[in-house]
Amino acid sequence: MPQLIVRGVTPEQMCTISTPLVKELAELCECDNDNFMIECIHTTSVFGGNVVETYPFIEVAWFERGKEVRDKFADIVTKHVRSLDIPEVEVAFTVFQENSYYINGESCSDEE
């Protein structure tokens, strides 16, 4: 279920690291590889009246797994992105609440 929304890294670059990245993340999260979605968003960044390169930023949308897993997840993502000769990357987490997340109209929460 974790979704990685990527800005400032090309789809071609992400393709080169996607398989080992997802494999390592799936092992950490104890889930299957097909639970992950990587989306490369085209963004046009503007600064000082000019179009500039978009800063590498990865948003992870997921169900919370705790600080230890979150820290390791961020380290894994950073390691793989920096292997592309990208010197700096930021990773931020957006947490979904099970009672506010639905799959095919069915709540992911056990609440009634």
PDB file of N, CA and C in Angstrom:
ATOM      1  N   MET A   1       0.795  -1.188   0.000  1.00  0.00           N
ATOM      2  CA  MET A   1       0.000   0.000   0.000  1.00  0.00           C
ATOM      3  C   MET A   1       0.847   1.266   0.000  1.00  0.00           C
ATOM      4  N   PRO A   2       2.077   1.236   0.472  1.00  0.00           N
ATOM      5  CA  PRO A   2       2.821   2.492   0.424  1.00  0.00           C
ATOM      6  C   PRO A   2       2.929   3.032  -0.997  1.00  0.00           C
ATOM      7  N   GLN A   3       2.648   4.318  -1.124  1.00  0.00           N
ATOM      8  CA  GLN A   3       2.766   5.004  -2.405  1.00  0.00           C
ATOM      9  C   GLN A   3       3.915   5.989  -2.315  1.00  0.00           C
ATOM     10  N   LEU A   4       4.807   5.945  -3.289  1.00  0.00           N
ATOM     11  CA  LEU A   4       5.907   6.896  -3.356  1.00  0.00           C
ATOM     12  C   LEU A   4       5.601   7.864  -4.483  1.00  0.00           C
ATOM     13  N   ILE A   5       5.429   9.129  -4.144  1.00  0.00           N
ATOM     14  CA  ILE A   5       5.122  10.162  -5.117  1.00  0.00           C
ATOM     15  C   ILE A   5       6.407  10.980  -5.290  1.00  0.00           C
ATOM     16  N   VAL A   6       6.980  10.898  -6.482  1.00  0.00           N
ATOM     17  CA  VAL A   6       8.336  11.377  -6.729  1.00  0.00           C
ATOM     18  C   VAL A   6       8.312  12.633  -7.591  1.00  0.00           C
ATOM     19  N   ARG A   7       9.034  13.650  -7.130  1.00  0.00           N
ATOM     20  CA  ARG A   7       9.243  14.876  -7.898  1.00  0.00           C
ATOM     21  C   ARG A   7      10.747  15.119  -7.999  1.00  0.00           C
ATOM     22  N   GLY A   8      11.185  15.651  -9.117  1.00  0.00           N
ATOM     23  CA  GLY A   8      12.584  16.021  -9.249  1.00  0.00           C
ATOM     24  C   GLY A   8      13.524  14.864  -9.571  1.00  0.00           C
ATOM     25  N   VAL A   9      12.968  13.700  -9.848  1.00  0.00           N
ATOM     26  CA  VAL A   9      13.736  12.533 -10.284  1.00  0.00           C
ATOM     27  C   VAL A   9      12.989  12.008 -11.512  1.00  0.00           C
ATOM     28  N   THR A  10      13.693  11.793 -12.603  1.00  0.00           N
ATOM     29  CA  THR A  10      13.010  11.402 -13.831  1.00  0.00           C
ATOM     30  C   THR A  10      12.468   9.968 -13.744  1.00  0.00           C
ATOM     31  N   PRO A  11      11.428   9.671 -14.518  1.00  0.00           N
ATOM     32  CA  PRO A  11      10.927   8.293 -14.555  1.00  0.00           C
ATOM     33  C   PRO A  11      12.016   7.300 -14.973  1.00  0.00           C
ATOM     34  N   GLU A  12      12.875   7.717 -15.895  1.00  0.00           N
ATOM     35  CA  GLU A  12      13.955   6.836 -16.340  1.00  0.00           C
ATOM     36  C   GLU A  12      14.909   6.518 -15.194  1.00  0.00           C
ATOM     37  N   GLN A  13      15.221   7.514 -14.391  1.00  0.00           N
ATOM     38  CA  GLN A  13      16.083   7.290 -13.229  1.00  0.00           C
ATOM     39  C   GLN A  13      15.398   6.352 -12.233  1.00  0.00           C
ATOM     40  N   MET A  14      14.123   6.586 -11.971  1.00  0.00           N
ATOM     41  CA  MET A  14      13.398   5.740 -11.013  1.00  0.00           C
ATOM     42  C   MET A  14      13.306   4.305 -11.513  1.00  0.00           C
ATOM     43  N   CYS A  15      13.175   4.129 -12.817  1.00  0.00           N
ATOM     44  CA  CYS A  15      13.123   2.769 -13.367  1.00  0.00           C
ATOM     45  C   CYS A  15      14.392   1.984 -13.042  1.00  0.00           C
ATOM     46  N   THR A  16      15.533   2.663 -13.048  1.00  0.00           N
ATOM     47  CA  THR A  16      16.796   1.953 -12.817  1.00  0.00           C
ATOM     48  C   THR A  16      16.939   1.470 -11.383  1.00  0.00           C
ATOM     49  N   ILE A  17      16.240   2.125 -10.448  1.00  0.00           N
ATOM     50  CA  ILE A  17      16.360   1.713  -9.038  1.00  0.00           C
ATOM     51  C   ILE A  17      15.086   1.072  -8.491  1.00  0.00           C
ATOM     52  N   SER A  18      14.009   1.076  -9.259  1.00  0.00           N
ATOM     53  CA  SER A  18      12.706   0.663  -8.716  1.00  0.00           C
ATOM     54  C   SER A  18      12.675  -0.771  -8.215  1.00  0.00           C
ATOM     55  N   THR A  19      13.266  -1.709  -8.942  1.00  0.00           N
ATOM     56  CA  THR A  19      13.204  -3.114  -8.523  1.00  0.00           C
ATOM     57  C   THR A  19      13.947  -3.359  -7.211  1.00  0.00           C
ATOM     58  N   PRO A  20      15.219  -2.962  -7.076  1.00  0.00           N
ATOM     59  CA  PRO A  20      15.880  -3.193  -5.791  1.00  0.00           C
ATOM     60  C   PRO A  20      15.289  -2.333  -4.661  1.00  0.00           C
ATOM     61  N   LEU A  21      14.817  -1.136  -4.997  1.00  0.00           N
ATOM     62  CA  LEU A  21      14.201  -0.271  -3.991  1.00  0.00           C
ATOM     63  C   LEU A  21      12.954  -0.924  -3.410  1.00  0.00           C
ATOM     64  N   VAL A  22      12.059  -1.356  -4.266  1.00  0.00           N
ATOM     65  CA  VAL A  22      10.813  -1.970  -3.804  1.00  0.00           C
ATOM     66  C   VAL A  22      11.088  -3.275  -3.075  1.00  0.00           C
ATOM     67  N   LYS A  23      12.039  -4.052  -3.552  1.00  0.00           N
ATOM     68  CA  LYS A  23      12.376  -5.309  -2.877  1.00  0.00           C
ATOM     69  C   LYS A  23      12.804  -5.047  -1.432  1.00  0.00           C
ATOM     70  N   GLU A  24      13.678  -4.071  -1.249  1.00  0.00           N
ATOM     71  CA  GLU A  24      14.174  -3.750   0.087  1.00  0.00           C
ATOM     72  C   GLU A  24      13.066  -3.167   0.975  1.00  0.00           C
ATOM     73  N   LEU A  25      12.218  -2.312   0.397  1.00  0.00           N
ATOM     74  CA  LEU A  25      11.117  -1.737   1.167  1.00  0.00           C
ATOM     75  C   LEU A  25      10.087  -2.794   1.555  1.00  0.00           C
ATOM     76  N   ALA A  26       9.810  -3.719   0.645  1.00  0.00           N
ATOM     77  CA  ALA A  26       8.848  -4.789   0.939  1.00  0.00           C
ATOM     78  C   ALA A  26       9.349  -5.678   2.077  1.00  0.00           C
ATOM     79  N   GLU A  27      10.644  -5.969   2.076  1.00  0.00           N
ATOM     80  CA  GLU A  27      11.214  -6.760   3.174  1.00  0.00           C
ATOM     81  C   GLU A  27      11.066  -6.013   4.496  1.00  0.00           C
ATOM     82  N   LEU A  28      11.340  -4.714   4.487  1.00  0.00           N
ATOM     83  CA  LEU A  28      11.217  -3.915   5.700  1.00  0.00           C
ATOM     84  C   LEU A  28       9.774  -3.888   6.201  1.00  0.00           C
ATOM     85  N   CYS A  29       8.839  -3.677   5.292  1.00  0.00           N
ATOM     86  CA  CYS A  29       7.424  -3.542   5.669  1.00  0.00           C
ATOM     87  C   CYS A  29       6.710  -4.883   5.813  1.00  0.00           C
ATOM     88  N   GLU A  30       7.432  -5.966   5.496  1.00  0.00           N
ATOM     89  CA  GLU A  30       6.870  -7.322   5.581  1.00  0.00           C
ATOM     90  C   GLU A  30       5.589  -7.447   4.755  1.00  0.00           C
ATOM     91  N   CYS A  31       5.706  -7.038   3.487  1.00  0.00           N
ATOM     92  CA  CYS A  31       4.578  -7.161   2.566  1.00  0.00           C
ATOM     93  C   CYS A  31       5.119  -7.510   1.179  1.00  0.00           C
ATOM     94  N   ASP A  32       4.217  -7.781   0.261  1.00  0.00           N
ATOM     95  CA  ASP A  32       4.614  -8.153  -1.097  1.00  0.00           C
ATOM     96  C   ASP A  32       5.036  -6.929  -1.910  1.00  0.00           C
ATOM     97  N   ASN A  33       5.872  -7.175  -2.907  1.00  0.00           N
ATOM     98  CA  ASN A  33       6.339  -6.095  -3.788  1.00  0.00           C
ATOM     99  C   ASN A  33       5.179  -5.375  -4.479  1.00  0.00           C
ATOM    100  N   ASP A  34       4.115  -6.109  -4.801  1.00  0.00           N
ATOM    101  CA  ASP A  34       3.011  -5.493  -5.544  1.00  0.00           C
ATOM    102  C   ASP A  34       2.160  -4.561  -4.686  1.00  0.00           C
ATOM    103  N   ASN A  35       2.512  -4.405  -3.421  1.00  0.00           N
ATOM    104  CA  ASN A  35       1.814  -3.436  -2.567  1.00  0.00           C
ATOM    105  C   ASN A  35       2.321  -2.017  -2.776  1.00  0.00           C
ATOM    106  N   PHE A  36       3.409  -1.847  -3.514  1.00  0.00           N
ATOM    107  CA  PHE A  36       4.028  -0.541  -3.684  1.00  0.00           C
ATOM    108  C   PHE A  36       3.664   0.068  -5.024  1.00  0.00           C
ATOM    109  N   MET A  37       3.482   1.388  -5.017  1.00  0.00           N
ATOM    110  CA  MET A  37       3.242   2.145  -6.235  1.00  0.00           C
ATOM    111  C   MET A  37       4.204   3.319  -6.228  1.00  0.00           C
ATOM    112  N   ILE A  38       4.928   3.474  -7.319  1.00  0.00           N
ATOM    113  CA  ILE A  38       5.815   4.631  -7.485  1.00  0.00           C
ATOM    114  C   ILE A  38       5.226   5.496  -8.593  1.00  0.00           C
ATOM    115  N   GLU A  39       4.962   6.746  -8.267  1.00  0.00           N
ATOM    116  CA  GLU A  39       4.435   7.689  -9.247  1.00  0.00           C
ATOM    117  C   GLU A  39       5.448   8.806  -9.434  1.00  0.00           C
ATOM    118  N   CYS A  40       5.857   9.033 -10.673  1.00  0.00           N
ATOM    119  CA  CYS A  40       6.768  10.127 -10.989  1.00  0.00           C
ATOM    120  C   CYS A  40       5.923  11.282 -11.528  1.00  0.00           C
ATOM    121  N   ILE A  41       5.888  12.349 -10.773  1.00  0.00           N
ATOM    122  CA  ILE A  41       5.070  13.499 -11.116  1.00  0.00           C
ATOM    123  C   ILE A  41       5.923  14.527 -11.846  1.00  0.00           C
ATOM    124  N   HIS A  42       5.466  14.944 -13.029  1.00  0.00           N
ATOM    125  CA  HIS A  42       6.171  16.021 -13.720  1.00  0.00           C
ATOM    126  C   HIS A  42       5.789  17.332 -13.049  1.00  0.00           C
ATOM    127  N   THR A  43       6.772  18.072 -12.630  1.00  0.00           N
ATOM    128  CA  THR A  43       6.566  19.341 -11.960  1.00  0.00           C
ATOM    129  C   THR A  43       7.445  20.396 -12.618  1.00  0.00           C
ATOM    130  N   THR A  44       6.874  21.533 -12.865  1.00  0.00           N
ATOM    131  CA  THR A  44       7.657  22.659 -13.344  1.00  0.00           C
ATOM    132  C   THR A  44       7.864  23.596 -12.171  1.00  0.00           C
ATOM    133  N   SER A  45       9.110  23.790 -11.803  1.00  0.00           N
ATOM    134  CA  SER A  45       9.440  24.641 -10.661  1.00  0.00           C
ATOM    135  C   SER A  45       9.890  26.005 -11.147  1.00  0.00           C
ATOM    136  N   VAL A  46       9.474  27.032 -10.404  1.00  0.00           N
ATOM    137  CA  VAL A  46       9.799  28.415 -10.757  1.00  0.00           C
ATOM    138  C   VAL A  46      10.426  29.085  -9.546  1.00  0.00           C
ATOM    139  N   PHE A  47      11.523  29.786  -9.792  1.00  0.00           N
ATOM    140  CA  PHE A  47      12.175  30.567  -8.737  1.00  0.00           C
ATOM    141  C   PHE A  47      12.774  31.819  -9.366  1.00  0.00           C
ATOM    142  N   GLY A  48      12.513  32.955  -8.761  1.00  0.00           N
ATOM    143  CA  GLY A  48      13.111  34.207  -9.240  1.00  0.00           C
ATOM    144  C   GLY A  48      12.744  34.545 -10.667  1.00  0.00           C
ATOM    145  N   GLY A  49      11.543  34.176 -11.080  1.00  0.00           N
ATOM    146  CA  GLY A  49      11.097  34.490 -12.438  1.00  0.00           C
ATOM    147  C   GLY A  49      11.620  33.554 -13.502  1.00  0.00           C
ATOM    148  N   ASN A  50      12.266  32.451 -13.082  1.00  0.00           N
ATOM    149  CA  ASN A  50      12.819  31.495 -14.038  1.00  0.00           C
ATOM    150  C   ASN A  50      12.341  30.081 -13.733  1.00  0.00           C
ATOM    151  N   VAL A  51      12.260  29.284 -14.777  1.00  0.00           N
ATOM    152  CA  VAL A  51      12.021  27.864 -14.595  1.00  0.00           C
ATOM    153  C   VAL A  51      13.330  27.243 -14.135  1.00  0.00           C
ATOM    154  N   VAL A  52      13.276  26.490 -13.034  1.00  0.00           N
ATOM    155  CA  VAL A  52      14.476  25.878 -12.467  1.00  0.00           C
ATOM    156  C   VAL A  52      14.249  24.378 -12.299  1.00  0.00           C
ATOM    157  N   GLU A  53      15.343  23.653 -12.087  1.00  0.00           N
ATOM    158  CA  GLU A  53      15.263  22.225 -11.829  1.00  0.00           C
ATOM    159  C   GLU A  53      14.456  21.976 -10.563  1.00  0.00           C
ATOM    160  N   THR A  54      13.615  20.954 -10.593  1.00  0.00           N
ATOM    161  CA  THR A  54      12.810  20.615  -9.424  1.00  0.00           C
ATOM    162  C   THR A  54      13.663  19.863  -8.417  1.00  0.00           C
ATOM    163  N   TYR A  55      13.576  20.277  -7.169  1.00  0.00           N
ATOM    164  CA  TYR A  55      14.335  19.649  -6.093  1.00  0.00           C
ATOM    165  C   TYR A  55      13.817  18.234  -5.867  1.00  0.00           C
ATOM    166  N   PRO A  56      14.697  17.247  -5.697  1.00  0.00           N
ATOM    167  CA  PRO A  56      14.270  15.869  -5.462  1.00  0.00           C
ATOM    168  C   PRO A  56      13.497  15.746  -4.147  1.00  0.00           C
ATOM    169  N   PHE A  57      12.242  15.373  -4.254  1.00  0.00           N
ATOM    170  CA  PHE A  57      11.356  15.269  -3.101  1.00  0.00           C
ATOM    171  C   PHE A  57      10.478  14.044  -3.286  1.00  0.00           C
ATOM    172  N   ILE A  58      10.424  13.192  -2.271  1.00  0.00           N
ATOM    173  CA  ILE A  58       9.611  11.981  -2.330  1.00  0.00           C
ATOM    174  C   ILE A  58       8.651  11.979  -1.157  1.00  0.00           C
ATOM    175  N   GLU A  59       7.375  11.922  -1.490  1.00  0.00           N
ATOM    176  CA  GLU A  59       6.338  11.825  -0.475  1.00  0.00           C
ATOM    177  C   GLU A  59       5.910  10.360  -0.382  1.00  0.00           C
ATOM    178  N   VAL A  60       5.879   9.847   0.828  1.00  0.00           N
ATOM    179  CA  VAL A  60       5.449   8.471   1.065  1.00  0.00           C
ATOM    180  C   VAL A  60       4.083   8.543   1.739  1.00  0.00           C
ATOM    181  N   ALA A  61       3.072   8.020   1.081  1.00  0.00           N
ATOM    182  CA  ALA A  61       1.725   7.964   1.640  1.00  0.00           C
ATOM    183  C   ALA A  61       1.482   6.526   2.072  1.00  0.00           C
ATOM    184  N   TRP A  62       1.156   6.342   3.360  1.00  0.00           N
ATOM    185  CA  TRP A  62       1.051   4.976   3.881  1.00  0.00           C
ATOM    186  C   TRP A  62       0.280   4.933   5.186  1.00  0.00           C
ATOM    187  N   PHE A  63       0.045   3.710   5.687  1.00  0.00           N
ATOM    188  CA  PHE A  63      -0.446   3.501   7.037  1.00  0.00           C
ATOM    189  C   PHE A  63       0.779   3.481   7.939  1.00  0.00           C
ATOM    190  N   GLU A  64       0.711   4.194   9.039  1.00  0.00           N
ATOM    191  CA  GLU A  64       1.856   4.317   9.948  1.00  0.00           C
ATOM    192  C   GLU A  64       2.354   2.949  10.411  1.00  0.00           C
ATOM    193  N   ARG A  65       3.672   2.806  10.452  1.00  0.00           N
ATOM    194  CA  ARG A  65       4.311   1.564  10.885  1.00  0.00           C
ATOM    195  C   ARG A  65       5.282   1.796  12.042  1.00  0.00           C
ATOM    196  N   GLY A  66       5.300   2.988  12.603  1.00  0.00           N
ATOM    197  CA  GLY A  66       6.175   3.286  13.730  1.00  0.00           C
ATOM    198  C   GLY A  66       7.454   3.978  13.299  1.00  0.00           C
ATOM    199  N   LYS A  67       8.069   4.665  14.249  1.00  0.00           N
ATOM    200  CA  LYS A  67       9.260   5.471  13.970  1.00  0.00           C
ATOM    201  C   LYS A  67      10.437   4.647  13.454  1.00  0.00           C
ATOM    202  N   GLU A  68      10.662   3.471  14.022  1.00  0.00           N
ATOM    203  CA  GLU A  68      11.800   2.656  13.596  1.00  0.00           C
ATOM    204  C   GLU A  68      11.673   2.270  12.123  1.00  0.00           C
ATOM    205  N   VAL A  69      10.502   1.801  11.717  1.00  0.00           N
ATOM    206  CA  VAL A  69      10.293   1.424  10.312  1.00  0.00           C
ATOM    207  C   VAL A  69      10.337   2.665   9.430  1.00  0.00           C
ATOM    208  N   ARG A  70       9.721   3.752   9.896  1.00  0.00           N
ATOM    209  CA  ARG A  70       9.724   4.997   9.120  1.00  0.00           C
ATOM    210  C   ARG A  70      11.148   5.490   8.883  1.00  0.00           C
ATOM    211  N   ASP A  71      11.989   5.467   9.915  1.00  0.00           N
ATOM    212  CA  ASP A  71      13.390   5.888   9.769  1.00  0.00           C
ATOM    213  C   ASP A  71      14.137   5.006   8.770  1.00  0.00           C
ATOM    214  N   LYS A  72      13.956   3.698   8.881  1.00  0.00           N
ATOM    215  CA  LYS A  72      14.628   2.772   7.957  1.00  0.00           C
ATOM    216  C   LYS A  72      14.113   2.959   6.533  1.00  0.00           C
ATOM    217  N   PHE A  73      12.808   3.171   6.388  1.00  0.00           N
ATOM    218  CA  PHE A  73      12.201   3.385   5.083  1.00  0.00           C
ATOM    219  C   PHE A  73      12.832   4.609   4.415  1.00  0.00           C
ATOM    220  N   ALA A  74      12.921   5.712   5.165  1.00  0.00           N
ATOM    221  CA  ALA A  74      13.516   6.939   4.636  1.00  0.00           C
ATOM    222  C   ALA A  74      14.983   6.718   4.259  1.00  0.00           C
ATOM    223  N   ASP A  75      15.709   5.966   5.075  1.00  0.00           N
ATOM    224  CA  ASP A  75      17.117   5.670   4.773  1.00  0.00           C
ATOM    225  C   ASP A  75      17.250   4.868   3.479  1.00  0.00           C
ATOM    226  N   ILE A  76      16.386   3.881   3.298  1.00  0.00           N
ATOM    227  CA  ILE A  76      16.429   3.041   2.094  1.00  0.00           C
ATOM    228  C   ILE A  76      16.140   3.886   0.850  1.00  0.00           C
ATOM    229  N   VAL A  77      15.087   4.687   0.910  1.00  0.00           N
ATOM    230  CA  VAL A  77      14.738   5.545  -0.229  1.00  0.00           C
ATOM    231  C   VAL A  77      15.890   6.497  -0.541  1.00  0.00           C
ATOM    232  N   THR A  78      16.425   7.129   0.481  1.00  0.00           N
ATOM    233  CA  THR A  78      17.529   8.077   0.294  1.00  0.00           C
ATOM    234  C   THR A  78      18.740   7.394  -0.334  1.00  0.00           C
ATOM    235  N   LYS A  79      19.092   6.229   0.174  1.00  0.00           N
ATOM    236  CA  LYS A  79      20.253   5.489  -0.354  1.00  0.00           C
ATOM    237  C   LYS A  79      20.092   5.213  -1.847  1.00  0.00           C
ATOM    238  N   HIS A  80      18.926   4.736  -2.245  1.00  0.00           N
ATOM    239  CA  HIS A  80      18.717   4.387  -3.656  1.00  0.00           C
ATOM    240  C   HIS A  80      18.690   5.623  -4.548  1.00  0.00           C
ATOM    241  N   VAL A  81      18.032   6.681  -4.104  1.00  0.00           N
ATOM    242  CA  VAL A  81      17.982   7.901  -4.923  1.00  0.00           C
ATOM    243  C   VAL A  81      19.382   8.523  -5.040  1.00  0.00           C
ATOM    244  N   ARG A  82      20.126   8.544  -3.950  1.00  0.00           N
ATOM    245  CA  ARG A  82      21.479   9.117  -4.004  1.00  0.00           C
ATOM    246  C   ARG A  82      22.418   8.270  -4.862  1.00  0.00           C
ATOM    247  N   SER A  83      22.104   6.996  -5.050  1.00  0.00           N
ATOM    248  CA  SER A  83      22.923   6.152  -5.939  1.00  0.00           C
ATOM    249  C   SER A  83      22.821   6.603  -7.392  1.00  0.00           C
ATOM    250  N   LEU A  84      21.868   7.472  -7.691  1.00  0.00           N
ATOM    251  CA  LEU A  84      21.700   8.026  -9.033  1.00  0.00           C
ATOM    252  C   LEU A  84      22.557   9.278  -9.238  1.00  0.00           C
ATOM    253  N   ASP A  85      23.507   9.512  -8.335  1.00  0.00           N
ATOM    254  CA  ASP A  85      24.334  10.722  -8.348  1.00  0.00           C
ATOM    255  C   ASP A  85      23.507  11.973  -8.084  1.00  0.00           C
ATOM    256  N   ILE A  86      22.439  11.799  -7.318  1.00  0.00           N
ATOM    257  CA  ILE A  86      21.647  12.925  -6.840  1.00  0.00           C
ATOM    258  C   ILE A  86      22.147  13.200  -5.422  1.00  0.00           C
ATOM    259  N   PRO A  87      22.745  14.368  -5.192  1.00  0.00           N
ATOM    260  CA  PRO A  87      23.425  14.602  -3.920  1.00  0.00           C
ATOM    261  C   PRO A  87      22.508  14.800  -2.715  1.00  0.00           C
ATOM    262  N   GLU A  88      21.258  15.192  -2.964  1.00  0.00           N
ATOM    263  CA  GLU A  88      20.390  15.518  -1.847  1.00  0.00           C
ATOM    264  C   GLU A  88      18.949  15.178  -2.217  1.00  0.00           C
ATOM    265  N   VAL A  89      18.209  14.624  -1.273  1.00  0.00           N
ATOM    266  CA  VAL A  89      16.804  14.285  -1.490  1.00  0.00           C
ATOM    267  C   VAL A  89      16.069  14.436  -0.167  1.00  0.00           C
ATOM    268  N   GLU A  90      14.823  14.845  -0.246  1.00  0.00           N
ATOM    269  CA  GLU A  90      13.991  14.930   0.950  1.00  0.00           C
ATOM    270  C   GLU A  90      12.879  13.902   0.843  1.00  0.00           C
ATOM    271  N   VAL A  91      12.539  13.302   1.992  1.00  0.00           N
ATOM    272  CA  VAL A  91      11.471  12.302   2.073  1.00  0.00           C
ATOM    273  C   VAL A  91      10.514  12.763   3.158  1.00  0.00           C
ATOM    274  N   ALA A  92       9.229  12.786   2.848  1.00  0.00           N
ATOM    275  CA  ALA A  92       8.208  13.168   3.830  1.00  0.00           C
ATOM    276  C   ALA A  92       7.104  12.121   3.809  1.00  0.00           C
ATOM    277  N   PHE A  93       6.496  11.907   4.953  1.00  0.00           N
ATOM    278  CA  PHE A  93       5.463  10.882   5.093  1.00  0.00           C
ATOM    279  C   PHE A  93       4.095  11.520   5.314  1.00  0.00           C
ATOM    280  N   THR A  94       3.111  11.025   4.596  1.00  0.00           N
ATOM    281  CA  THR A  94       1.708  11.344   4.809  1.00  0.00           C
ATOM    282  C   THR A  94       1.061  10.069   5.313  1.00  0.00           C
ATOM    283  N   VAL A  95       0.374  10.170   6.431  1.00  0.00           N
ATOM    284  CA  VAL A  95      -0.185   8.975   7.063  1.00  0.00           C
ATOM    285  C   VAL A  95      -1.685   8.912   6.809  1.00  0.00           C
ATOM    286  N   PHE A  96      -2.118   7.782   6.253  1.00  0.00           N
ATOM    287  CA  PHE A  96      -3.542   7.512   6.085  1.00  0.00           C
ATOM    288  C   PHE A  96      -4.077   6.865   7.350  1.00  0.00           C
ATOM    289  N   GLN A  97      -5.297   7.207   7.710  1.00  0.00           N
ATOM    290  CA  GLN A  97      -5.991   6.565   8.821  1.00  0.00           C
ATOM    291  C   GLN A  97      -6.882   5.469   8.243  1.00  0.00           C
ATOM    292  N   GLU A  98      -6.827   4.278   8.822  1.00  0.00           N
ATOM    293  CA  GLU A  98      -7.594   3.152   8.308  1.00  0.00           C
ATOM    294  C   GLU A  98      -9.084   3.469   8.200  1.00  0.00           C
ATOM    295  N   ASN A  99      -9.627   4.239   9.160  1.00  0.00           N
ATOM    296  CA  ASN A  99     -11.065   4.531   9.142  1.00  0.00           C
ATOM    297  C   ASN A  99     -11.440   5.579   8.088  1.00  0.00           C
ATOM    298  N   SER A 100     -10.446   6.146   7.413  1.00  0.00           N
ATOM    299  CA  SER A 100     -10.692   7.123   6.355  1.00  0.00           C
ATOM    300  C   SER A 100     -10.188   6.643   4.998  1.00  0.00           C
ATOM    301  N   TYR A 101      -9.871   5.364   4.893  1.00  0.00           N
ATOM    302  CA  TYR A 101      -9.319   4.797   3.653  1.00  0.00           C
ATOM    303  C   TYR A 101     -10.221   3.653   3.205  1.00  0.00           C
ATOM    304  N   TYR A 102     -10.646   3.695   1.955  1.00  0.00           N
ATOM    305  CA  TYR A 102     -11.574   2.696   1.428  1.00  0.00           C
ATOM    306  C   TYR A 102     -11.000   2.056   0.173  1.00  0.00           C
ATOM    307  N   ILE A 103     -11.215   0.768   0.044  1.00  0.00           N
ATOM    308  CA  ILE A 103     -10.849   0.039  -1.169  1.00  0.00           C
ATOM    309  C   ILE A 103     -12.137  -0.570  -1.718  1.00  0.00           C
ATOM    310  N   ASN A 104     -12.490  -0.176  -2.918  1.00  0.00           N
ATOM    311  CA  ASN A 104     -13.736  -0.625  -3.545  1.00  0.00           C
ATOM    312  C   ASN A 104     -14.943  -0.399  -2.642  1.00  0.00           C
ATOM    313  N   GLY A 105     -14.957   0.743  -1.951  1.00  0.00           N
ATOM    314  CA  GLY A 105     -16.078   1.115  -1.113  1.00  0.00           C
ATOM    315  C   GLY A 105     -16.073   0.485   0.268  1.00  0.00           C
ATOM    316  N   GLU A 106     -15.064  -0.337   0.552  1.00  0.00           N
ATOM    317  CA  GLU A 106     -14.971  -1.005   1.843  1.00  0.00           C
ATOM    318  C   GLU A 106     -13.904  -0.345   2.693  1.00  0.00           C
ATOM    319  N   SER A 107     -14.260  -0.021   3.935  1.00  0.00           N
ATOM    320  CA  SER A 107     -13.327   0.606   4.856  1.00  0.00           C
ATOM    321  C   SER A 107     -12.200  -0.348   5.223  1.00  0.00           C
ATOM    322  N   CYS A 108     -11.001   0.186   5.396  1.00  0.00           N
ATOM    323  CA  CYS A 108      -9.863  -0.616   5.833  1.00  0.00           C
ATOM    324  C   CYS A 108      -9.832  -0.739   7.357  1.00  0.00           C
ATOM    325  N   SER A 109     -10.802  -0.135   8.014  1.00  0.00           N
ATOM    326  CA  SER A 109     -10.841  -0.147   9.470  1.00  0.00           C
ATOM    327  C   SER A 109     -11.699  -1.285   9.986  1.00  0.00           C
ATOM    328  N   ASP A 110     -11.358  -1.746  11.189  1.00  0.00           N
ATOM    329  CA  ASP A 110     -12.162  -2.764  11.848  1.00  0.00           C
ATOM    330  C   ASP A 110     -13.321  -2.134  12.619  1.00  0.00           C
ATOM    331  N   GLU A 111     -13.350  -0.785  12.682  1.00  0.00           N
ATOM    332  CA  GLU A 111     -14.415  -0.085  13.417  1.00  0.00           C
ATOM    333  C   GLU A 111     -15.757  -0.323  12.769  1.00  0.00           C
ATOM    334  N   GLU A 112     -16.780  -0.268  13.587  1.00  0.00           N
ATOM    335  CA  GLU A 112     -18.150  -0.375  13.047  1.00  0.00           C
ATOM    336  C   GLU A 112     -18.894   0.883  13.310  1.00  0.00           C
TER     337      GLU A 112
END
